[in-house]
């Protein structure tokens, strides 16, 4: 299956370097990392961090959660407004 994910530039750079050092593709490196993380989870290991669930008023009117490009654009606009304060 093909999918799109957003990674910080520095993380993606490290993944690319490690994959190249091992003579692998980024895809195979990420696949192995995700499988290892899932195996640890199934074995009952605690995750290194916990993400608290969102508590709020829900999705704003006009926000389409199925359109990642539009979501990214809205988030970037929000960052621009915050940086001007």
PDB file of N, CA and C in Angstrom:
ATOM      1  N   UNK A   1       0.848  -1.167   0.000  1.00  0.00           N
ATOM      2  CA  UNK A   1       0.000   0.000   0.000  1.00  0.00           C
ATOM      3  C   UNK A   1       0.899   1.237   0.000  1.00  0.00           C
ATOM      4  N   UNK A   2       0.496   2.218  -0.720  1.00  0.00           N
ATOM      5  CA  UNK A   2       1.246   3.471  -0.785  1.00  0.00           C
ATOM      6  C   UNK A   2       0.556   4.477   0.125  1.00  0.00           C
ATOM      7  N   UNK A   3       1.354   5.232   0.897  1.00  0.00           N
ATOM      8  CA  UNK A   3       0.798   6.247   1.787  1.00  0.00           C
ATOM      9  C   UNK A   3       1.781   7.403   1.909  1.00  0.00           C
ATOM     10  N   UNK A   4       1.325   8.490   2.463  1.00  0.00           N
ATOM     11  CA  UNK A   4       2.171   9.667   2.663  1.00  0.00           C
ATOM     12  C   UNK A   4       2.244   9.959   4.156  1.00  0.00           C
ATOM     13  N   UNK A   5       3.452  10.229   4.643  1.00  0.00           N
ATOM     14  CA  UNK A   5       3.616  10.638   6.031  1.00  0.00           C
ATOM     15  C   UNK A   5       4.458  11.906   6.053  1.00  0.00           C
ATOM     16  N   UNK A   6       4.295  12.685   7.092  1.00  0.00           N
ATOM     17  CA  UNK A   6       5.082  13.900   7.264  1.00  0.00           C
ATOM     18  C   UNK A   6       6.074  13.675   8.390  1.00  0.00           C
ATOM     19  N   UNK A   7       7.355  13.864   8.100  1.00  0.00           N
ATOM     20  CA  UNK A   7       8.416  13.710   9.087  1.00  0.00           C
ATOM     21  C   UNK A   7       9.215  15.003   9.167  1.00  0.00           C
ATOM     22  N   UNK A   8       9.717  15.325  10.349  1.00  0.00           N
ATOM     23  CA  UNK A   8      10.619  16.474  10.433  1.00  0.00           C
ATOM     24  C   UNK A   8      11.844  16.230   9.542  1.00  0.00           C
ATOM     25  N   UNK A   9      12.364  17.279   8.945  1.00  0.00           N
ATOM     26  CA  UNK A   9      13.496  17.157   8.022  1.00  0.00           C
ATOM     27  C   UNK A   9      14.679  16.418   8.642  1.00  0.00           C
ATOM     28  N   UNK A  10      14.999  16.746   9.910  1.00  0.00           N
ATOM     29  CA  UNK A  10      16.158  16.119  10.539  1.00  0.00           C
ATOM     30  C   UNK A  10      15.943  14.620  10.747  1.00  0.00           C
ATOM     31  N   UNK A  11      14.720  14.207  11.068  1.00  0.00           N
ATOM     32  CA  UNK A  11      14.430  12.774  11.237  1.00  0.00           C
ATOM     33  C   UNK A  11      14.529  12.051   9.900  1.00  0.00           C
ATOM     34  N   UNK A  12      13.937  12.638   8.867  1.00  0.00           N
ATOM     35  CA  UNK A  12      14.003  12.005   7.548  1.00  0.00           C
ATOM     36  C   UNK A  12      15.456  11.902   7.070  1.00  0.00           C
ATOM     37  N   UNK A  13      16.247  12.928   7.329  1.00  0.00           N
ATOM     38  CA  UNK A  13      17.660  12.884   6.949  1.00  0.00           C
ATOM     39  C   UNK A  13      18.392  11.748   7.653  1.00  0.00           C
ATOM     40  N   UNK A  14      18.105  11.563   8.952  1.00  0.00           N
ATOM     41  CA  UNK A  14      18.751  10.478   9.698  1.00  0.00           C
ATOM     42  C   UNK A  14      18.307   9.118   9.167  1.00  0.00           C
ATOM     43  N   UNK A  15      17.028   8.986   8.862  1.00  0.00           N
ATOM     44  CA  UNK A  15      16.519   7.728   8.303  1.00  0.00           C
ATOM     45  C   UNK A  15      17.200   7.438   6.972  1.00  0.00           C
ATOM     46  N   UNK A  16      17.299   8.448   6.113  1.00  0.00           N
ATOM     47  CA  UNK A  16      17.953   8.253   4.810  1.00  0.00           C
ATOM     48  C   UNK A  16      19.409   7.809   4.975  1.00  0.00           C
ATOM     49  N   UNK A  17      20.134   8.466   5.894  1.00  0.00           N
ATOM     50  CA  UNK A  17      21.546   8.106   6.125  1.00  0.00           C
ATOM     51  C   UNK A  17      21.672   6.678   6.659  1.00  0.00           C
ATOM     52  N   UNK A  18      20.846   6.325   7.638  1.00  0.00           N
ATOM     53  CA  UNK A  18      20.935   4.985   8.220  1.00  0.00           C
ATOM     54  C   UNK A  18      20.582   3.920   7.187  1.00  0.00           C
ATOM     55  N   UNK A  19      19.546   4.178   6.393  1.00  0.00           N
ATOM     56  CA  UNK A  19      19.159   3.220   5.356  1.00  0.00           C
ATOM     57  C   UNK A  19      20.292   3.059   4.339  1.00  0.00           C
ATOM     58  N   UNK A  20      20.897   4.165   3.933  1.00  0.00           N
ATOM     59  CA  UNK A  20      22.004   4.105   2.973  1.00  0.00           C
ATOM     60  C   UNK A  20      23.197   3.366   3.566  1.00  0.00           C
ATOM     61  N   UNK A  21      23.494   3.617   4.843  1.00  0.00           N
ATOM     62  CA  UNK A  21      24.604   2.928   5.504  1.00  0.00           C
ATOM     63  C   UNK A  21      24.392   1.414   5.504  1.00  0.00           C
ATOM     64  N   UNK A  22      23.132   0.996   5.596  1.00  0.00           N
ATOM     65  CA  UNK A  22      22.801  -0.428   5.628  1.00  0.00           C
ATOM     66  C   UNK A  22      22.530  -0.988   4.228  1.00  0.00           C
ATOM     67  N   UNK A  23      22.646  -0.138   3.202  1.00  0.00           N
ATOM     68  CA  UNK A  23      22.396  -0.586   1.826  1.00  0.00           C
ATOM     69  C   UNK A  23      20.943  -0.938   1.574  1.00  0.00           C
ATOM     70  N   UNK A  24      20.048  -0.207   2.227  1.00  0.00           N
ATOM     71  CA  UNK A  24      18.611  -0.479   2.121  1.00  0.00           C
ATOM     72  C   UNK A  24      17.877   0.747   1.624  1.00  0.00           C
ATOM     73  N   UNK A  25      16.628   0.536   1.240  1.00  0.00           N
ATOM     74  CA  UNK A  25      15.782   1.665   0.871  1.00  0.00           C
ATOM     75  C   UNK A  25      15.181   2.274   2.132  1.00  0.00           C
ATOM     76  N   UNK A  26      14.737   3.511   2.019  1.00  0.00           N
ATOM     77  CA  UNK A  26      14.049   4.160   3.127  1.00  0.00           C
ATOM     78  C   UNK A  26      12.794   3.367   3.483  1.00  0.00           C
ATOM     79  N   UNK A  27      12.086   2.887   2.471  1.00  0.00           N
ATOM     80  CA  UNK A  27      10.868   2.106   2.700  1.00  0.00           C
ATOM     81  C   UNK A  27      11.148   0.866   3.534  1.00  0.00           C
ATOM     82  N   UNK A  28      12.188   0.104   3.180  1.00  0.00           N
ATOM     83  CA  UNK A  28      12.467  -1.121   3.935  1.00  0.00           C
ATOM     84  C   UNK A  28      12.938  -0.796   5.346  1.00  0.00           C
ATOM     85  N   UNK A  29      13.676   0.296   5.521  1.00  0.00           N
ATOM     86  CA  UNK A  29      14.126   0.710   6.844  1.00  0.00           C
ATOM     87  C   UNK A  29      12.927   1.063   7.722  1.00  0.00           C
ATOM     88  N   UNK A  30      11.999   1.870   7.179  1.00  0.00           N
ATOM     89  CA  UNK A  30      10.821   2.265   7.943  1.00  0.00           C
ATOM     90  C   UNK A  30       9.917   1.071   8.231  1.00  0.00           C
ATOM     91  N   UNK A  31       9.787   0.174   7.258  1.00  0.00           N
ATOM     92  CA  UNK A  31       8.960  -1.017   7.463  1.00  0.00           C
ATOM     93  C   UNK A  31       9.497  -1.840   8.636  1.00  0.00           C
ATOM     94  N   UNK A  32      10.801  -2.060   8.673  1.00  0.00           N
ATOM     95  CA  UNK A  32      11.397  -2.840   9.760  1.00  0.00           C
ATOM     96  C   UNK A  32      11.216  -2.120  11.098  1.00  0.00           C
ATOM     97  N   UNK A  33      11.411  -0.810  11.111  1.00  0.00           N
ATOM     98  CA  UNK A  33      11.262  -0.046  12.349  1.00  0.00           C
ATOM     99  C   UNK A  33       9.826  -0.121  12.866  1.00  0.00           C
ATOM    100  N   UNK A  34       8.859  -0.020  11.971  1.00  0.00           N
ATOM    101  CA  UNK A  34       7.456  -0.090  12.385  1.00  0.00           C
ATOM    102  C   UNK A  34       7.090  -1.489  12.875  1.00  0.00           C
ATOM    103  N   UNK A  35       7.594  -2.515  12.190  1.00  0.00           N
ATOM    104  CA  UNK A  35       7.323  -3.890  12.635  1.00  0.00           C
ATOM    105  C   UNK A  35       7.921  -4.133  14.022  1.00  0.00           C
ATOM    106  N   UNK A  36       9.117  -3.626  14.257  1.00  0.00           N
ATOM    107  CA  UNK A  36       9.752  -3.792  15.567  1.00  0.00           C
ATOM    108  C   UNK A  36       8.949  -3.069  16.651  1.00  0.00           C
ATOM    109  N   UNK A  37       8.476  -1.876  16.347  1.00  0.00           N
ATOM    110  CA  UNK A  37       7.679  -1.122  17.320  1.00  0.00           C
ATOM    111  C   UNK A  37       6.376  -1.856  17.623  1.00  0.00           C
ATOM    112  N   UNK A  38       5.732  -2.406  16.599  1.00  0.00           N
ATOM    113  CA  UNK A  38       4.492  -3.155  16.812  1.00  0.00           C
ATOM    114  C   UNK A  38       4.742  -4.417  17.629  1.00  0.00           C
ATOM    115  N   UNK A  39       5.846  -5.094  17.376  1.00  0.00           N
ATOM    116  CA  UNK A  39       6.182  -6.308  18.129  1.00  0.00           C
ATOM    117  C   UNK A  39       6.411  -5.972  19.601  1.00  0.00           C
ATOM    118  N   UNK A  40       7.095  -4.860  19.869  1.00  0.00           N
ATOM    119  CA  UNK A  40       7.308  -4.446  21.261  1.00  0.00           C
ATOM    120  C   UNK A  40       5.981  -4.154  21.940  1.00  0.00           C
ATOM    121  N   UNK A  41       5.085  -3.513  21.203  1.00  0.00           N
ATOM    122  CA  UNK A  41       3.766  -3.186  21.752  1.00  0.00           C
ATOM    123  C   UNK A  41       2.993  -4.459  22.083  1.00  0.00           C
ATOM    124  N   UNK A  42       3.007  -5.417  21.169  1.00  0.00           N
ATOM    125  CA  UNK A  42       2.293  -6.674  21.392  1.00  0.00           C
ATOM    126  C   UNK A  42       2.903  -7.456  22.547  1.00  0.00           C
ATOM    127  N   UNK A  43       4.202  -7.296  22.780  1.00  0.00           N
ATOM    128  CA  UNK A  43       4.870  -7.993  23.870  1.00  0.00           C
ATOM    129  C   UNK A  43       4.603  -7.314  25.211  1.00  0.00           C
ATOM    130  N   UNK A  44       3.874  -6.205  25.194  1.00  0.00           N
ATOM    131  CA  UNK A  44       3.516  -5.530  26.428  1.00  0.00           C
ATOM    132  C   UNK A  44       4.500  -4.485  26.894  1.00  0.00           C
ATOM    133  N   UNK A  45       5.499  -4.186  26.071  1.00  0.00           N
ATOM    134  CA  UNK A  45       6.443  -3.142  26.461  1.00  0.00           C
ATOM    135  C   UNK A  45       5.741  -1.794  26.432  1.00  0.00           C
ATOM    136  N   UNK A  46       6.104  -0.955  27.356  1.00  0.00           N
ATOM    137  CA  UNK A  46       5.512   0.376  27.396  1.00  0.00           C
ATOM    138  C   UNK A  46       6.174   1.254  26.344  1.00  0.00           C
ATOM    139  N   UNK A  47       5.387   2.120  25.689  1.00  0.00           N
ATOM    140  CA  UNK A  47       5.970   3.023  24.698  1.00  0.00           C
ATOM    141  C   UNK A  47       6.881   4.044  25.377  1.00  0.00           C
ATOM    142  N   UNK A  48       7.831   4.611  24.629  1.00  0.00           N
ATOM    143  CA  UNK A  48       8.735   5.597  25.216  1.00  0.00           C
ATOM    144  C   UNK A  48       8.038   6.914  25.552  1.00  0.00           C
ATOM    145  N   UNK A  49       6.837   7.118  25.042  1.00  0.00           N
ATOM    146  CA  UNK A  49       6.084   8.330  25.326  1.00  0.00           C
ATOM    147  C   UNK A  49       4.600   8.013  25.187  1.00  0.00           C
ATOM    148  N   UNK A  50       3.777   8.873  25.730  1.00  0.00           N
ATOM    149  CA  UNK A  50       2.331   8.695  25.650  1.00  0.00           C
ATOM    150  C   UNK A  50       1.742   9.965  25.063  1.00  0.00           C
ATOM    151  N   UNK A  51       0.840   9.799  24.121  1.00  0.00           N
ATOM    152  CA  UNK A  51       0.152  10.940  23.516  1.00  0.00           C
ATOM    153  C   UNK A  51      -1.234  11.026  24.142  1.00  0.00           C
ATOM    154  N   UNK A  52      -1.524  12.158  24.764  1.00  0.00           N
ATOM    155  CA  UNK A  52      -2.836  12.353  25.359  1.00  0.00           C
ATOM    156  C   UNK A  52      -3.861  12.560  24.258  1.00  0.00           C
ATOM    157  N   UNK A  53      -5.049  11.998  24.422  1.00  0.00           N
ATOM    158  CA  UNK A  53      -6.087  12.191  23.398  1.00  0.00           C
ATOM    159  C   UNK A  53      -6.517  13.649  23.342  1.00  0.00           C
ATOM    160  N   UNK A  54      -6.967  14.071  22.183  1.00  0.00           N
ATOM    161  CA  UNK A  54      -7.434  15.440  21.985  1.00  0.00           C
ATOM    162  C   UNK A  54      -8.714  15.663  22.783  1.00  0.00           C
ATOM    163  N   UNK A  55      -8.755  16.758  23.499  1.00  0.00           N
ATOM    164  CA  UNK A  55      -9.960  17.151  24.217  1.00  0.00           C
ATOM    165  C   UNK A  55     -10.264  18.567  23.780  1.00  0.00           C
ATOM    166  N   UNK A  56     -11.364  18.738  23.106  1.00  0.00           N
ATOM    167  CA  UNK A  56     -11.693  20.074  22.623  1.00  0.00           C
ATOM    168  C   UNK A  56     -13.080  20.097  22.021  1.00  0.00           C
ATOM    169  N   UNK A  57     -13.303  21.083  21.194  1.00  0.00           N
ATOM    170  CA  UNK A  57     -14.623  21.277  20.609  1.00  0.00           C
ATOM    171  C   UNK A  57     -14.816  20.540  19.297  1.00  0.00           C
ATOM    172  N   UNK A  58     -13.865  19.712  18.901  1.00  0.00           N
ATOM    173  CA  UNK A  58     -13.993  18.976  17.652  1.00  0.00           C
ATOM    174  C   UNK A  58     -13.384  19.721  16.493  1.00  0.00           C
ATOM    175  N   UNK A  59     -13.749  19.319  15.314  1.00  0.00           N
ATOM    176  CA  UNK A  59     -13.205  19.888  14.089  1.00  0.00           C
ATOM    177  C   UNK A  59     -13.911  21.197  13.769  1.00  0.00           C
ATOM    178  N   UNK A  60     -13.132  22.172  13.348  1.00  0.00           N
ATOM    179  CA  UNK A  60     -13.710  23.459  12.961  1.00  0.00           C
ATOM    180  C   UNK A  60     -14.516  23.316  11.681  1.00  0.00           C
ATOM    181  N   UNK A  61     -15.532  24.147  11.499  1.00  0.00           N
ATOM    182  CA  UNK A  61     -16.323  24.089  10.263  1.00  0.00           C
ATOM    183  C   UNK A  61     -15.429  24.292   9.038  1.00  0.00           C
ATOM    184  N   UNK A  62     -15.667  23.518   8.007  1.00  0.00           N
ATOM    185  CA  UNK A  62     -14.924  23.648   6.762  1.00  0.00           C
ATOM    186  C   UNK A  62     -13.636  22.861   6.716  1.00  0.00           C
ATOM    187  N   UNK A  63     -13.277  22.158   7.789  1.00  0.00           N
ATOM    188  CA  UNK A  63     -12.044  21.371   7.819  1.00  0.00           C
ATOM    189  C   UNK A  63     -12.358  19.959   7.344  1.00  0.00           C
ATOM    190  N   UNK A  64     -11.667  19.512   6.316  1.00  0.00           N
ATOM    191  CA  UNK A  64     -11.844  18.172   5.765  1.00  0.00           C
ATOM    192  C   UNK A  64     -10.670  17.307   6.210  1.00  0.00           C
ATOM    193  N   UNK A  65     -10.907  16.389   7.138  1.00  0.00           N
ATOM    194  CA  UNK A  65      -9.835  15.553   7.673  1.00  0.00           C
ATOM    195  C   UNK A  65      -9.291  14.570   6.639  1.00  0.00           C
ATOM    196  N   UNK A  66      -9.971  14.415   5.527  1.00  0.00           N
ATOM    197  CA  UNK A  66      -9.516  13.509   4.472  1.00  0.00           C
ATOM    198  C   UNK A  66      -8.630  14.193   3.441  1.00  0.00           C
ATOM    199  N   UNK A  67      -8.402  15.492   3.599  1.00  0.00           N
ATOM    200  CA  UNK A  67      -7.601  16.250   2.645  1.00  0.00           C
ATOM    201  C   UNK A  67      -6.337  16.733   3.351  1.00  0.00           C
ATOM    202  N   UNK A  68      -5.274  15.924   3.294  1.00  0.00           N
ATOM    203  CA  UNK A  68      -4.062  16.243   4.052  1.00  0.00           C
ATOM    204  C   UNK A  68      -3.392  17.531   3.569  1.00  0.00           C
ATOM    205  N   UNK A  69      -3.468  17.813   2.282  1.00  0.00           N
ATOM    206  CA  UNK A  69      -2.851  19.041   1.765  1.00  0.00           C
ATOM    207  C   UNK A  69      -3.557  20.267   2.333  1.00  0.00           C
ATOM    208  N   UNK A  70      -4.888  20.230   2.382  1.00  0.00           N
ATOM    209  CA  UNK A  70      -5.644  21.358   2.932  1.00  0.00           C
ATOM    210  C   UNK A  70      -5.398  21.490   4.434  1.00  0.00           C
ATOM    211  N   UNK A  71      -5.285  20.353   5.141  1.00  0.00           N
ATOM    212  CA  UNK A  71      -4.989  20.392   6.576  1.00  0.00           C
ATOM    213  C   UNK A  71      -3.630  21.022   6.827  1.00  0.00           C
ATOM    214  N   UNK A  72      -2.632  20.617   6.051  1.00  0.00           N
ATOM    215  CA  UNK A  72      -1.294  21.178   6.205  1.00  0.00           C
ATOM    216  C   UNK A  72      -1.313  22.681   5.957  1.00  0.00           C
ATOM    217  N   UNK A  73      -2.053  23.098   4.946  1.00  0.00           N
ATOM    218  CA  UNK A  73      -2.150  24.526   4.634  1.00  0.00           C
ATOM    219  C   UNK A  73      -2.790  25.293   5.803  1.00  0.00           C
ATOM    220  N   UNK A  74      -3.851  24.731   6.389  1.00  0.00           N
ATOM    221  CA  UNK A  74      -4.500  25.379   7.530  1.00  0.00           C
ATOM    222  C   UNK A  74      -3.560  25.453   8.730  1.00  0.00           C
ATOM    223  N   UNK A  75      -2.805  24.382   8.980  1.00  0.00           N
ATOM    224  CA  UNK A  75      -1.877  24.380  10.109  1.00  0.00           C
ATOM    225  C   UNK A  75      -0.761  25.396   9.900  1.00  0.00           C
ATOM    226  N   UNK A  76      -0.279  25.511   8.655  1.00  0.00           N
ATOM    227  CA  UNK A  76       0.775  26.490   8.371  1.00  0.00           C
ATOM    228  C   UNK A  76       0.249  27.910   8.524  1.00  0.00           C
ATOM    229  N   UNK A  77      -0.998  28.141   8.106  1.00  0.00           N
ATOM    230  CA  UNK A  77      -1.609  29.458   8.300  1.00  0.00           C
ATOM    231  C   UNK A  77      -1.706  29.765   9.789  1.00  0.00           C
ATOM    232  N   UNK A  78      -2.082  28.761  10.585  1.00  0.00           N
ATOM    233  CA  UNK A  78      -2.192  28.926  12.030  1.00  0.00           C
ATOM    234  C   UNK A  78      -0.833  29.277  12.636  1.00  0.00           C
ATOM    235  N   UNK A  79       0.229  28.635  12.164  1.00  0.00           N
ATOM    236  CA  UNK A  79       1.577  28.930  12.656  1.00  0.00           C
ATOM    237  C   UNK A  79       1.984  30.354  12.295  1.00  0.00           C
ATOM    238  N   UNK A  80       1.634  30.791  11.080  1.00  0.00           N
ATOM    239  CA  UNK A  80       1.956  32.145  10.657  1.00  0.00           C
ATOM    240  C   UNK A  80       1.273  33.166  11.557  1.00  0.00           C
ATOM    241  N   UNK A  81       0.005  32.923  11.900  1.00  0.00           N
ATOM    242  CA  UNK A  81      -0.741  33.846  12.773  1.00  0.00           C
ATOM    243  C   UNK A  81      -0.102  33.869  14.155  1.00  0.00           C
ATOM    244  N   UNK A  82       0.251  32.689  14.693  1.00  0.00           N
ATOM    245  CA  UNK A  82       0.876  32.610  16.022  1.00  0.00           C
ATOM    246  C   UNK A  82       2.220  33.318  16.055  1.00  0.00           C
ATOM    247  N   UNK A  83       2.992  33.230  14.981  1.00  0.00           N
ATOM    248  CA  UNK A  83       4.326  33.836  14.980  1.00  0.00           C
ATOM    249  C   UNK A  83       4.251  35.358  14.910  1.00  0.00           C
ATOM    250  N   UNK A  84       3.141  35.896  14.447  1.00  0.00           N
ATOM    251  CA  UNK A  84       2.981  37.352  14.361  1.00  0.00           C
ATOM    252  C   UNK A  84       2.530  37.965  15.673  1.00  0.00           C
ATOM    253  N   UNK A  85       2.126  37.141  16.636  1.00  0.00           N
ATOM    254  CA  UNK A  85       1.622  37.660  17.917  1.00  0.00           C
ATOM    255  C   UNK A  85       2.743  38.092  18.793  1.00  0.00           C
TER     256      UNK A  85
END
